[in-house]
Amino acid sequence: MQAIHAKSPRAERAYAMLRELRRRFVSQLNPIAVQFGDGQPFEPIEWLRDQGRHGGGARYMATDLNAFNRASVNTSQVQYDDDPAKKLASASALSTIIHPNNPLAPSVHIHISWTEMKDGNGYWRMMADLNPSNPIESDTTRFTDCLKQAAPALYDEAARQGDRYFYIPALERHRGVSHFYLENHNSGDFDADLALAQAVGTAAIDTYCAILAAVLATRTQPSAEHRQRQLDYHTLYLFQVLTLDRGTTSGLLVHDQNDVGILASLPAQIHRGLLASWLAGMPVPQDALLRGLLACLPETDPCPIEDATKQAFAACLRQHYTAHPEAIDLQASGNSIPPTVSNHR
């Protein structure tokens, strides 16, 4: 079986560009694994939506556990060309997270997607954010500057939306140090918007790989304190993704055929006790969600996050938002809220 791709020329062009970004990223990460790890390459894992009838995708997972704590570079395209009842024509996306093993190297998250409706409308979603557990100002400046150069006219707006999206009210802090986020972007010129999305993705990928290689070559002796900060930050990362990240939750609510891929951004282990300590600051009914997530975890510290754990998290999230559909309004947003779940129904 193979995935059937969208017929729309715009979707075809967008998906080709996103797969080229995936190739670009993996082709730079593999040599880093050779130089600083055991040389194990990223390996593709394919998945199909409805046996390929409505598309599918591939995630390239890191297998070099010496260089990477957890890393995944994903592309997907879902389409409903054969279903006239759907408002959505197709959704094409690149979504990636890299968590290096070295705690002095920052993590990165990048998401770029094109959503096309059957009425001819469409919009881009562009995100790029640097996530260090031990922040280094020069890394932050370098990453921020590359995004300013890639999108000079829109950077200030993207930074404002990013700072809003990645704020964690319960902890009164942000996830990450450099946030770029454009939601529902459509200038009316598809060619220009496609070029912008490619420029943002290319800048974030190339700059991050340069930062990562430089860090691994020079910051070679992290301390026990650095590693504890990484564990604590990975806990915060998981907390934000599972309780606030609208894109992750929407993906899980739309279908259950790629749960492990949708949750591929989760780090390999977290500090369970720290996660439990944040219960007191959670609003109702999200406190129940966090209790449910904690119940999915073994009572150990450090606490491993395995594929079975991800499946349990996915089931927990679906149960919670089925019981409390109003709670979706408590999730993160930029200046607008994309109707992702309703688009697929």
C-alpha atoms as a PDB file:
ATOM      1  CA  MET A   1       0.000   0.000   0.000  1.00  0.00           C
ATOM      2  CA  GLN A   2       1.115   3.535  -0.744  1.00  0.00           C
ATOM      3  CA  ALA A   3      -0.100   6.937   0.343  1.00  0.00           C
ATOM      4  CA  ILE A   4      -2.336   8.724  -2.159  1.00  0.00           C
ATOM      5  CA  HIS A   5      -1.260  12.361  -2.325  1.00  0.00           C
ATOM      6  CA  ALA A   6      -3.373  15.471  -2.811  1.00  0.00           C
ATOM      7  CA  LYS A   7      -4.303  16.422  -6.375  1.00  0.00           C
ATOM      8  CA  SER A   8      -4.046  20.169  -5.835  1.00  0.00           C
ATOM      9  CA  PRO A   9      -1.016  21.801  -7.526  1.00  0.00           C
ATOM     10  CA  ARG A  10      -0.506  24.056  -4.484  1.00  0.00           C
ATOM     11  CA  ALA A  11      -0.524  21.093  -2.106  1.00  0.00           C
ATOM     12  CA  GLU A  12       1.837  19.222  -4.412  1.00  0.00           C
ATOM     13  CA  ARG A  13       4.300  22.117  -4.438  1.00  0.00           C
ATOM     14  CA  ALA A  14       4.059  22.650  -0.702  1.00  0.00           C
ATOM     15  CA  TYR A  15       4.639  18.980   0.084  1.00  0.00           C
ATOM     16  CA  ALA A  16       7.602  18.771  -2.289  1.00  0.00           C
ATOM     17  CA  MET A  17       9.185  21.764  -0.559  1.00  0.00           C
ATOM     18  CA  LEU A  18       8.574  20.284   2.903  1.00  0.00           C
ATOM     19  CA  ARG A  19      10.105  16.945   1.930  1.00  0.00           C
ATOM     20  CA  GLU A  20      13.128  18.794   0.581  1.00  0.00           C
ATOM     21  CA  LEU A  21      13.481  20.520   3.972  1.00  0.00           C
ATOM     22  CA  ARG A  22      13.301  17.093   5.613  1.00  0.00           C
ATOM     23  CA  ARG A  23      16.023  15.794   3.310  1.00  0.00           C
ATOM     24  CA  ARG A  24      18.136  18.883   4.017  1.00  0.00           C
ATOM     25  CA  PHE A  25      17.856  18.438   7.780  1.00  0.00           C
ATOM     26  CA  VAL A  26      18.560  14.705   7.847  1.00  0.00           C
ATOM     27  CA  SER A  27      21.520  15.122   5.457  1.00  0.00           C
ATOM     28  CA  GLN A  28      23.125  17.513   7.960  1.00  0.00           C
ATOM     29  CA  LEU A  29      22.235  15.559  11.110  1.00  0.00           C
ATOM     30  CA  ASN A  30      23.697  12.256   9.876  1.00  0.00           C
ATOM     31  CA  PRO A  31      27.281  13.642   9.595  1.00  0.00           C
ATOM     32  CA  ILE A  32      26.917  15.070  13.106  1.00  0.00           C
ATOM     33  CA  ALA A  33      26.140  11.552  14.323  1.00  0.00           C
ATOM     34  CA  VAL A  34      29.220  10.299  12.467  1.00  0.00           C
ATOM     35  CA  GLN A  35      31.498  12.959  13.955  1.00  0.00           C
ATOM     36  CA  PHE A  36      30.154  13.114  17.506  1.00  0.00           C
ATOM     37  CA  GLY A  37      28.274   9.866  18.053  1.00  0.00           C
ATOM     38  CA  ASP A  38      28.409   6.283  16.899  1.00  0.00           C
ATOM     39  CA  GLY A  39      27.600   7.118  13.290  1.00  0.00           C
ATOM     40  CA  GLN A  40      24.146   5.556  13.327  1.00  0.00           C
ATOM     41  CA  PRO A  41      21.891   7.214  10.721  1.00  0.00           C
ATOM     42  CA  PHE A  42      18.346   8.496  10.973  1.00  0.00           C
ATOM     43  CA  GLU A  43      15.964   5.789   9.799  1.00  0.00           C
ATOM     44  CA  PRO A  44      12.569   6.298   8.112  1.00  0.00           C
ATOM     45  CA  ILE A  45       9.351   4.915   9.533  1.00  0.00           C
ATOM     46  CA  GLU A  46       6.325   5.249   7.270  1.00  0.00           C
ATOM     47  CA  TRP A  47       2.687   5.416   8.293  1.00  0.00           C
ATOM     48  CA  LEU A  48      -0.540   5.497   6.285  1.00  0.00           C
ATOM     49  CA  ARG A  49      -3.832   7.271   6.891  1.00  0.00           C
ATOM     50  CA  ASP A  50      -6.688   4.866   6.220  1.00  0.00           C
ATOM     51  CA  GLN A  51      -4.317   2.398   4.478  1.00  0.00           C
ATOM     52  CA  GLY A  52      -3.012   5.260   2.341  1.00  0.00           C
ATOM     53  CA  ARG A  53      -6.402   6.269   0.971  1.00  0.00           C
ATOM     54  CA  HIS A  54      -6.133   9.625   2.734  1.00  0.00           C
ATOM     55  CA  GLY A  55      -2.372  10.036   2.623  1.00  0.00           C
ATOM     56  CA  GLY A  56       0.238   9.392   5.289  1.00  0.00           C
ATOM     57  CA  GLY A  57       3.826  10.315   5.983  1.00  0.00           C
ATOM     58  CA  ALA A  58       7.279   9.360   7.177  1.00  0.00           C
ATOM     59  CA  ARG A  59       9.259  10.191  10.269  1.00  0.00           C
ATOM     60  CA  TYR A  60      13.035   9.939  10.285  1.00  0.00           C
ATOM     61  CA  MET A  61      14.073   8.847  13.773  1.00  0.00           C
ATOM     62  CA  ALA A  62      17.512   9.150  15.310  1.00  0.00           C
ATOM     63  CA  THR A  63      19.103   5.785  16.033  1.00  0.00           C
ATOM     64  CA  ASP A  64      22.371   7.200  17.361  1.00  0.00           C
ATOM     65  CA  LEU A  65      21.631   7.332  21.083  1.00  0.00           C
ATOM     66  CA  ASN A  66      25.103   8.631  21.858  1.00  0.00           C
ATOM     67  CA  ALA A  67      24.530  11.841  19.908  1.00  0.00           C
ATOM     68  CA  PHE A  68      20.769  12.239  20.410  1.00  0.00           C
ATOM     69  CA  ASN A  69      18.493  11.887  23.403  1.00  0.00           C
ATOM     70  CA  ARG A  70      15.493  11.860  21.075  1.00  0.00           C
ATOM     71  CA  ALA A  71      15.203  13.257  17.555  1.00  0.00           C
ATOM     72  CA  SER A  72      12.611  13.029  14.806  1.00  0.00           C
ATOM     73  CA  VAL A  73      12.124  14.735  11.437  1.00  0.00           C
ATOM     74  CA  ASN A  74       8.585  14.172  10.149  1.00  0.00           C
ATOM     75  CA  THR A  75       6.658  14.994   6.992  1.00  0.00           C
ATOM     76  CA  SER A  76       3.058  14.121   6.268  1.00  0.00           C
ATOM     77  CA  GLN A  77       0.206  14.900   3.943  1.00  0.00           C
ATOM     78  CA  VAL A  78      -3.423  14.086   4.671  1.00  0.00           C
ATOM     79  CA  GLN A  79      -6.009  14.675   1.927  1.00  0.00           C
ATOM     80  CA  TYR A  80      -9.740  14.160   1.430  1.00  0.00           C
ATOM     81  CA  ASP A  81     -10.045  14.418  -2.341  1.00  0.00           C
ATOM     82  CA  ASP A  82     -12.464  11.485  -2.349  1.00  0.00           C
ATOM     83  CA  ASP A  83     -14.731  12.823   0.422  1.00  0.00           C
ATOM     84  CA  PRO A  84     -16.956  15.735  -0.644  1.00  0.00           C
ATOM     85  CA  ALA A  85     -18.343  16.064   2.885  1.00  0.00           C
ATOM     86  CA  LYS A  86     -15.013  17.321   4.229  1.00  0.00           C
ATOM     87  CA  LYS A  87     -14.245  21.047   4.221  1.00  0.00           C
ATOM     88  CA  LEU A  88     -10.521  20.262   4.260  1.00  0.00           C
ATOM     89  CA  ALA A  89      -8.833  19.412   0.983  1.00  0.00           C
ATOM     90  CA  SER A  90      -5.381  18.634   2.371  1.00  0.00           C
ATOM     91  CA  ALA A  91      -2.845  19.381   5.096  1.00  0.00           C
ATOM     92  CA  SER A  92       0.883  19.080   4.335  1.00  0.00           C
ATOM     93  CA  ALA A  93       3.414  19.433   7.148  1.00  0.00           C
ATOM     94  CA  LEU A  94       7.006  19.234   8.308  1.00  0.00           C
ATOM     95  CA  SER A  95       7.380  18.835  12.060  1.00  0.00           C
ATOM     96  CA  THR A  96      10.661  18.149  13.783  1.00  0.00           C
ATOM     97  CA  ILE A  97      12.291  18.126  17.202  1.00  0.00           C
ATOM     98  CA  ILE A  98      15.914  17.457  18.019  1.00  0.00           C
ATOM     99  CA  HIS A  99      16.970  16.776  21.629  1.00  0.00           C
ATOM    100  CA  PRO A 100      20.774  16.284  21.734  1.00  0.00           C
ATOM    101  CA  ASN A 101      22.315  14.126  24.428  1.00  0.00           C
ATOM    102  CA  ASN A 102      24.810  16.807  25.423  1.00  0.00           C
ATOM    103  CA  PRO A 103      22.962  19.112  27.873  1.00  0.00           C
ATOM    104  CA  LEU A 104      25.011  22.087  26.676  1.00  0.00           C
ATOM    105  CA  ALA A 105      23.522  21.734  23.184  1.00  0.00           C
ATOM    106  CA  PRO A 106      20.070  23.265  22.693  1.00  0.00           C
ATOM    107  CA  SER A 107      17.041  21.411  21.414  1.00  0.00           C
ATOM    108  CA  VAL A 108      15.120  22.800  18.451  1.00  0.00           C
ATOM    109  CA  HIS A 109      11.526  22.565  17.274  1.00  0.00           C
ATOM    110  CA  ILE A 110      10.438  23.455  13.731  1.00  0.00           C
ATOM    111  CA  HIS A 111       6.972  23.143  12.227  1.00  0.00           C
ATOM    112  CA  ILE A 112       5.905  24.356   8.777  1.00  0.00           C
ATOM    113  CA  SER A 113       2.573  23.400   7.224  1.00  0.00           C
ATOM    114  CA  TRP A 114       0.202  24.304   4.408  1.00  0.00           C
ATOM    115  CA  THR A 115      -3.536  23.748   4.955  1.00  0.00           C
ATOM    116  CA  GLU A 116      -5.812  23.956   1.920  1.00  0.00           C
ATOM    117  CA  MET A 117      -9.599  24.068   1.997  1.00  0.00           C
ATOM    118  CA  LYS A 118     -11.942  22.862  -0.737  1.00  0.00           C
ATOM    119  CA  ASP A 119     -13.302  26.384  -1.195  1.00  0.00           C
ATOM    120  CA  GLY A 120      -9.861  27.433  -2.460  1.00  0.00           C
ATOM    121  CA  ASN A 121      -8.686  29.168   0.709  1.00  0.00           C
ATOM    122  CA  GLY A 122      -5.511  28.102   2.466  1.00  0.00           C
ATOM    123  CA  TYR A 123      -2.964  29.169   5.043  1.00  0.00           C
ATOM    124  CA  TRP A 124       0.563  28.527   6.300  1.00  0.00           C
ATOM    125  CA  ARG A 125       1.686  27.785   9.830  1.00  0.00           C
ATOM    126  CA  MET A 126       5.370  28.482  10.511  1.00  0.00           C
ATOM    127  CA  MET A 127       7.155  27.818  13.793  1.00  0.00           C
ATOM    128  CA  ALA A 128      10.802  27.713  14.834  1.00  0.00           C
ATOM    129  CA  ASP A 129      11.979  27.834  18.426  1.00  0.00           C
ATOM    130  CA  LEU A 130      15.245  27.165  20.242  1.00  0.00           C
ATOM    131  CA  ASN A 131      14.949  25.156  23.453  1.00  0.00           C
ATOM    132  CA  PRO A 132      18.132  25.037  25.553  1.00  0.00           C
ATOM    133  CA  SER A 133      18.216  23.445  28.984  1.00  0.00           C
ATOM    134  CA  ASN A 134      21.379  25.442  29.730  1.00  0.00           C
ATOM    135  CA  PRO A 135      20.935  28.682  27.745  1.00  0.00           C
ATOM    136  CA  ILE A 136      23.937  30.278  26.056  1.00  0.00           C
ATOM    137  CA  GLU A 137      23.329  33.838  24.878  1.00  0.00           C
ATOM    138  CA  SER A 138      25.424  33.513  21.726  1.00  0.00           C
ATOM    139  CA  ASP A 139      23.336  30.508  20.555  1.00  0.00           C
ATOM    140  CA  THR A 140      20.118  32.424  21.140  1.00  0.00           C
ATOM    141  CA  THR A 141      21.402  35.482  19.271  1.00  0.00           C
ATOM    142  CA  ARG A 142      22.586  33.402  16.328  1.00  0.00           C
ATOM    143  CA  PHE A 143      19.275  31.572  15.993  1.00  0.00           C
ATOM    144  CA  THR A 144      17.209  34.746  16.379  1.00  0.00           C
ATOM    145  CA  ASP A 145      19.299  36.610  13.818  1.00  0.00           C
ATOM    146  CA  CYS A 146      18.820  33.900  11.198  1.00  0.00           C
ATOM    147  CA  LEU A 147      15.040  34.179  11.549  1.00  0.00           C
ATOM    148  CA  LYS A 148      15.168  37.966  11.336  1.00  0.00           C
ATOM    149  CA  GLN A 149      17.086  37.643   8.070  1.00  0.00           C
ATOM    150  CA  ALA A 150      14.720  34.985   6.691  1.00  0.00           C
ATOM    151  CA  ALA A 151      11.563  37.010   7.412  1.00  0.00           C
ATOM    152  CA  PRO A 152      12.590  40.653   8.010  1.00  0.00           C
ATOM    153  CA  ALA A 153       9.143  42.142   7.429  1.00  0.00           C
ATOM    154  CA  LEU A 154       7.313  39.621   9.616  1.00  0.00           C
ATOM    155  CA  TYR A 155       9.839  38.760  12.320  1.00  0.00           C
ATOM    156  CA  ASP A 156       8.533  41.142  15.004  1.00  0.00           C
ATOM    157  CA  GLU A 157       4.980  39.849  14.602  1.00  0.00           C
ATOM    158  CA  ALA A 158       6.179  36.226  14.568  1.00  0.00           C
ATOM    159  CA  ALA A 159       8.214  36.813  17.744  1.00  0.00           C
ATOM    160  CA  ARG A 160       5.194  38.326  19.515  1.00  0.00           C
ATOM    161  CA  GLN A 161       2.976  35.406  18.532  1.00  0.00           C
ATOM    162  CA  GLY A 162       5.700  32.937  19.495  1.00  0.00           C
ATOM    163  CA  ASP A 163       6.204  34.478  22.917  1.00  0.00           C
ATOM    164  CA  ARG A 164       2.468  34.209  23.487  1.00  0.00           C
ATOM    165  CA  TYR A 165       2.179  30.635  22.223  1.00  0.00           C
ATOM    166  CA  PHE A 166       5.080  29.233  24.224  1.00  0.00           C
ATOM    167  CA  TYR A 167       4.177  30.867  27.532  1.00  0.00           C
ATOM    168  CA  ILE A 168       3.240  28.426  30.315  1.00  0.00           C
ATOM    169  CA  PRO A 169       0.784  30.170  32.672  1.00  0.00           C
ATOM    170  CA  ALA A 170       0.986  27.533  35.427  1.00  0.00           C
ATOM    171  CA  LEU A 171       4.762  28.026  35.675  1.00  0.00           C
ATOM    172  CA  GLU A 172       4.856  31.713  34.715  1.00  0.00           C
ATOM    173  CA  ARG A 173       7.642  31.108  32.213  1.00  0.00           C
ATOM    174  CA  HIS A 174       8.264  30.309  28.567  1.00  0.00           C
ATOM    175  CA  ARG A 175       9.318  27.118  26.868  1.00  0.00           C
ATOM    176  CA  GLY A 176      12.430  28.056  24.928  1.00  0.00           C
ATOM    177  CA  VAL A 177      14.347  31.286  24.377  1.00  0.00           C
ATOM    178  CA  SER A 178      13.724  32.261  20.745  1.00  0.00           C
ATOM    179  CA  HIS A 179      10.201  31.921  19.366  1.00  0.00           C
ATOM    180  CA  PHE A 180       8.992  32.405  15.790  1.00  0.00           C
ATOM    181  CA  TYR A 181       5.330  31.686  15.068  1.00  0.00           C
ATOM    182  CA  LEU A 182       3.052  32.724  12.204  1.00  0.00           C
ATOM    183  CA  GLU A 183      -0.475  31.310  12.256  1.00  0.00           C
ATOM    184  CA  ASN A 184      -3.027  31.490   9.421  1.00  0.00           C
ATOM    185  CA  HIS A 185      -0.520  33.232   7.177  1.00  0.00           C
ATOM    186  CA  ASN A 186      -1.725  34.012   3.663  1.00  0.00           C
ATOM    187  CA  SER A 187      -0.534  37.177   1.932  1.00  0.00           C
ATOM    188  CA  GLY A 188      -2.616  36.424  -1.168  1.00  0.00           C
ATOM    189  CA  ASP A 189       0.526  35.466  -3.115  1.00  0.00           C
ATOM    190  CA  PHE A 190       1.080  31.701  -2.849  1.00  0.00           C
ATOM    191  CA  ASP A 191       4.479  31.823  -4.553  1.00  0.00           C
ATOM    192  CA  ALA A 192       5.752  34.463  -2.118  1.00  0.00           C
ATOM    193  CA  ASP A 193       4.379  32.590   0.895  1.00  0.00           C
ATOM    194  CA  LEU A 194       5.893  29.316  -0.300  1.00  0.00           C
ATOM    195  CA  ALA A 195       9.259  31.061  -0.669  1.00  0.00           C
ATOM    196  CA  LEU A 196       8.912  32.554   2.817  1.00  0.00           C
ATOM    197  CA  ALA A 197       8.132  29.163   4.375  1.00  0.00           C
ATOM    198  CA  GLN A 198      11.122  27.634   2.606  1.00  0.00           C
ATOM    199  CA  ALA A 199      13.385  30.504   3.695  1.00  0.00           C
ATOM    200  CA  VAL A 200      12.315  30.210   7.347  1.00  0.00           C
ATOM    201  CA  GLY A 201      12.743  26.430   7.336  1.00  0.00           C
ATOM    202  CA  THR A 202      16.117  26.556   5.582  1.00  0.00           C
ATOM    203  CA  ALA A 203      17.457  29.267   7.904  1.00  0.00           C
ATOM    204  CA  ALA A 204      16.340  27.442  11.053  1.00  0.00           C
ATOM    205  CA  ILE A 205      17.701  24.075   9.870  1.00  0.00           C
ATOM    206  CA  ASP A 206      21.078  25.334   8.640  1.00  0.00           C
ATOM    207  CA  THR A 207      21.666  27.596  11.630  1.00  0.00           C
ATOM    208  CA  TYR A 208      20.663  24.988  14.166  1.00  0.00           C
ATOM    209  CA  CYS A 209      22.932  22.342  12.613  1.00  0.00           C
ATOM    210  CA  ALA A 210      25.829  24.826  12.665  1.00  0.00           C
ATOM    211  CA  ILE A 211      25.139  25.618  16.342  1.00  0.00           C
ATOM    212  CA  LEU A 212      24.845  21.934  17.218  1.00  0.00           C
ATOM    213  CA  ALA A 213      28.101  20.952  15.497  1.00  0.00           C
ATOM    214  CA  ALA A 214      29.975  23.838  17.121  1.00  0.00           C
ATOM    215  CA  VAL A 215      28.630  23.000  20.582  1.00  0.00           C
ATOM    216  CA  LEU A 216      29.456  19.303  20.330  1.00  0.00           C
ATOM    217  CA  ALA A 217      32.984  20.143  19.223  1.00  0.00           C
ATOM    218  CA  THR A 218      33.706  22.615  22.040  1.00  0.00           C
ATOM    219  CA  ARG A 219      31.409  22.033  25.046  1.00  0.00           C
ATOM    220  CA  THR A 220      32.584  18.525  25.750  1.00  0.00           C
ATOM    221  CA  GLN A 221      32.509  18.335  29.543  1.00  0.00           C
ATOM    222  CA  PRO A 222      29.012  18.976  30.883  1.00  0.00           C
ATOM    223  CA  SER A 223      28.655  18.741  34.639  1.00  0.00           C
ATOM    224  CA  ALA A 224      26.162  16.803  36.745  1.00  0.00           C
ATOM    225  CA  GLU A 225      24.352  20.106  37.324  1.00  0.00           C
ATOM    226  CA  HIS A 226      24.063  20.636  33.565  1.00  0.00           C
ATOM    227  CA  ARG A 227      22.551  17.175  33.185  1.00  0.00           C
ATOM    228  CA  GLN A 228      20.055  17.772  35.993  1.00  0.00           C
ATOM    229  CA  ARG A 229      18.963  21.018  34.336  1.00  0.00           C
ATOM    230  CA  GLN A 230      18.465  19.080  31.104  1.00  0.00           C
ATOM    231  CA  LEU A 231      16.285  16.489  32.842  1.00  0.00           C
ATOM    232  CA  ASP A 232      14.231  19.241  34.478  1.00  0.00           C
ATOM    233  CA  TYR A 233      13.895  21.104  31.187  1.00  0.00           C
ATOM    234  CA  HIS A 234      12.845  17.969  29.337  1.00  0.00           C
ATOM    235  CA  THR A 235      10.139  17.612  31.997  1.00  0.00           C
ATOM    236  CA  LEU A 236       8.952  21.150  31.274  1.00  0.00           C
ATOM    237  CA  TYR A 237       9.038  20.407  27.545  1.00  0.00           C
ATOM    238  CA  LEU A 238       6.804  17.348  27.973  1.00  0.00           C
ATOM    239  CA  PHE A 239       4.478  19.322  30.263  1.00  0.00           C
ATOM    240  CA  GLN A 240       4.022  22.096  27.708  1.00  0.00           C
ATOM    241  CA  VAL A 241       3.498  19.701  24.786  1.00  0.00           C
ATOM    242  CA  LEU A 242       0.909  17.538  26.543  1.00  0.00           C
ATOM    243  CA  THR A 243      -1.059  20.233  28.361  1.00  0.00           C
ATOM    244  CA  LEU A 244      -0.775  23.304  26.128  1.00  0.00           C
ATOM    245  CA  ASP A 245       0.374  22.504  22.601  1.00  0.00           C
ATOM    246  CA  ARG A 246      -2.675  22.908  20.381  1.00  0.00           C
ATOM    247  CA  GLY A 247      -1.053  21.294  17.348  1.00  0.00           C
ATOM    248  CA  THR A 248      -0.172  18.113  19.213  1.00  0.00           C
ATOM    249  CA  THR A 249      -3.604  17.792  20.813  1.00  0.00           C
ATOM    250  CA  SER A 250      -5.417  18.494  17.544  1.00  0.00           C
ATOM    251  CA  GLY A 251      -3.379  15.842  15.751  1.00  0.00           C
ATOM    252  CA  LEU A 252      -4.313  13.235  18.353  1.00  0.00           C
ATOM    253  CA  LEU A 253      -7.994  14.202  18.280  1.00  0.00           C
ATOM    254  CA  VAL A 254      -8.193  13.994  14.478  1.00  0.00           C
ATOM    255  CA  HIS A 255      -7.035  10.348  14.217  1.00  0.00           C
ATOM    256  CA  ASP A 256      -5.231   7.549  16.063  1.00  0.00           C
ATOM    257  CA  GLN A 257      -3.047   6.187  13.248  1.00  0.00           C
ATOM    258  CA  ASN A 258       0.217   7.944  14.097  1.00  0.00           C
ATOM    259  CA  ASP A 259       0.236   8.452  17.877  1.00  0.00           C
ATOM    260  CA  VAL A 260       3.905   7.608  18.315  1.00  0.00           C
ATOM    261  CA  GLY A 261       4.848   9.922  15.465  1.00  0.00           C
ATOM    262  CA  ILE A 262       2.749  12.815  16.762  1.00  0.00           C
ATOM    263  CA  LEU A 263       4.411  12.426  20.169  1.00  0.00           C
ATOM    264  CA  ALA A 264       7.883  11.883  18.714  1.00  0.00           C
ATOM    265  CA  SER A 265       8.982  15.220  20.186  1.00  0.00           C
ATOM    266  CA  LEU A 266       8.907  13.872  23.750  1.00  0.00           C
ATOM    267  CA  PRO A 267      12.341  13.403  25.354  1.00  0.00           C
ATOM    268  CA  ALA A 268      13.629  10.007  26.391  1.00  0.00           C
ATOM    269  CA  GLN A 269      13.181  10.582  30.120  1.00  0.00           C
ATOM    270  CA  ILE A 270      11.818  13.139  32.566  1.00  0.00           C
ATOM    271  CA  HIS A 271      11.733  14.032  36.273  1.00  0.00           C
ATOM    272  CA  ARG A 272       8.406  12.542  37.398  1.00  0.00           C
ATOM    273  CA  GLY A 273       8.512  14.154  40.826  1.00  0.00           C
ATOM    274  CA  LEU A 274       8.976  17.591  39.299  1.00  0.00           C
ATOM    275  CA  LEU A 275       6.067  17.012  36.922  1.00  0.00           C
ATOM    276  CA  ALA A 276       3.839  15.989  39.836  1.00  0.00           C
ATOM    277  CA  SER A 277       4.825  19.117  41.760  1.00  0.00           C
ATOM    278  CA  TRP A 278       3.122  21.283  39.108  1.00  0.00           C
ATOM    279  CA  LEU A 279      -0.331  19.851  39.840  1.00  0.00           C
ATOM    280  CA  ALA A 280      -1.105  22.571  42.362  1.00  0.00           C
ATOM    281  CA  GLY A 281      -0.812  25.316  39.737  1.00  0.00           C
ATOM    282  CA  MET A 282      -3.083  23.672  37.157  1.00  0.00           C
ATOM    283  CA  PRO A 283      -6.535  25.125  36.458  1.00  0.00           C
ATOM    284  CA  VAL A 284      -9.661  22.980  36.463  1.00  0.00           C
ATOM    285  CA  PRO A 285     -10.093  20.674  34.512  1.00  0.00           C
ATOM    286  CA  GLN A 286      -6.464  20.533  33.368  1.00  0.00           C
ATOM    287  CA  ASP A 287      -5.463  19.314  36.805  1.00  0.00           C
ATOM    288  CA  ALA A 288      -7.359  16.125  35.962  1.00  0.00           C
ATOM    289  CA  LEU A 289      -5.438  15.879  32.689  1.00  0.00           C
ATOM    290  CA  LEU A 290      -2.096  16.092  34.483  1.00  0.00           C
ATOM    291  CA  ARG A 291      -3.183  13.464  37.010  1.00  0.00           C
ATOM    292  CA  GLY A 292      -4.122  11.227  34.101  1.00  0.00           C
ATOM    293  CA  LEU A 293      -0.766  11.754  32.425  1.00  0.00           C
ATOM    294  CA  LEU A 294       1.069  10.985  35.665  1.00  0.00           C
ATOM    295  CA  ALA A 295      -0.899   7.745  35.930  1.00  0.00           C
ATOM    296  CA  CYS A 296       0.592   6.719  32.559  1.00  0.00           C
ATOM    297  CA  LEU A 297       4.106   6.914  33.997  1.00  0.00           C
ATOM    298  CA  PRO A 298       6.050   4.446  36.125  1.00  0.00           C
ATOM    299  CA  GLU A 299       6.856   5.778  39.590  1.00  0.00           C
ATOM    300  CA  THR A 300      10.576   6.066  39.001  1.00  0.00           C
ATOM    301  CA  ASP A 301      13.012   8.946  38.636  1.00  0.00           C
ATOM    302  CA  PRO A 302      14.396   9.490  36.089  1.00  0.00           C
ATOM    303  CA  CYS A 303      11.228   8.280  34.376  1.00  0.00           C
ATOM    304  CA  PRO A 304      11.524   6.770  30.855  1.00  0.00           C
ATOM    305  CA  ILE A 305       9.211   7.805  28.012  1.00  0.00           C
ATOM    306  CA  GLU A 306       8.785   4.784  25.747  1.00  0.00           C
ATOM    307  CA  ASP A 307       6.497   4.161  22.777  1.00  0.00           C
ATOM    308  CA  ALA A 308       3.987   2.416  25.049  1.00  0.00           C
ATOM    309  CA  THR A 309       3.984   5.505  27.267  1.00  0.00           C
ATOM    310  CA  LYS A 310       3.203   7.685  24.243  1.00  0.00           C
ATOM    311  CA  GLN A 311       0.271   5.457  23.324  1.00  0.00           C
ATOM    312  CA  ALA A 312      -1.021   5.760  26.880  1.00  0.00           C
ATOM    313  CA  PHE A 313      -0.602   9.554  26.764  1.00  0.00           C
ATOM    314  CA  ALA A 314      -2.558   9.694  23.489  1.00  0.00           C
ATOM    315  CA  ALA A 315      -5.439   7.695  24.963  1.00  0.00           C
ATOM    316  CA  CYS A 316      -5.413   9.893  28.065  1.00  0.00           C
ATOM    317  CA  LEU A 317      -5.618  13.090  26.023  1.00  0.00           C
ATOM    318  CA  ARG A 318      -8.489  11.800  23.898  1.00  0.00           C
ATOM    319  CA  GLN A 319     -10.438  10.726  26.969  1.00  0.00           C
ATOM    320  CA  HIS A 320      -9.857  14.074  28.666  1.00  0.00           C
ATOM    321  CA  TYR A 321     -10.982  16.267  25.760  1.00  0.00           C
ATOM    322  CA  THR A 322     -13.968  14.013  25.079  1.00  0.00           C
ATOM    323  CA  ALA A 323     -15.046  14.522  28.673  1.00  0.00           C
ATOM    324  CA  HIS A 324     -14.058  18.202  28.748  1.00  0.00           C
ATOM    325  CA  PRO A 325     -14.325  19.636  25.202  1.00  0.00           C
ATOM    326  CA  GLU A 326     -14.316  23.173  26.634  1.00  0.00           C
ATOM    327  CA  ALA A 327     -10.768  22.607  27.937  1.00  0.00           C
ATOM    328  CA  ILE A 328      -9.362  22.993  24.431  1.00  0.00           C
ATOM    329  CA  ASP A 329      -9.854  26.746  24.950  1.00  0.00           C
ATOM    330  CA  LEU A 330      -7.147  26.620  27.646  1.00  0.00           C
ATOM    331  CA  GLN A 331      -4.516  25.571  25.123  1.00  0.00           C
ATOM    332  CA  ALA A 332      -1.886  27.843  23.611  1.00  0.00           C
ATOM    333  CA  SER A 333      -2.606  30.151  20.696  1.00  0.00           C
ATOM    334  CA  GLY A 334      -1.068  32.970  18.722  1.00  0.00           C
ATOM    335  CA  ASN A 335      -3.312  35.713  17.369  1.00  0.00           C
ATOM    336  CA  SER A 336      -5.823  33.229  15.970  1.00  0.00           C
ATOM    337  CA  ILE A 337      -6.946  29.666  16.558  1.00  0.00           C
ATOM    338  CA  PRO A 338      -6.869  27.286  13.592  1.00  0.00           C
ATOM    339  CA  PRO A 339      -9.980  25.059  13.310  1.00  0.00           C
ATOM    340  CA  THR A 340      -7.839  21.965  12.826  1.00  0.00           C
ATOM    341  CA  VAL A 341     -10.142  19.406  14.419  1.00  0.00           C
ATOM    342  CA  SER A 342     -13.338  20.740  12.816  1.00  0.00           C
ATOM    343  CA  ASN A 343     -11.608  20.836   9.412  1.00  0.00           C
ATOM    344  CA  HIS A 344     -11.203  17.057   9.519  1.00  0.00           C
ATOM    345  CA  ARG A 345     -14.820  16.354  10.461  1.00  0.00           C
END
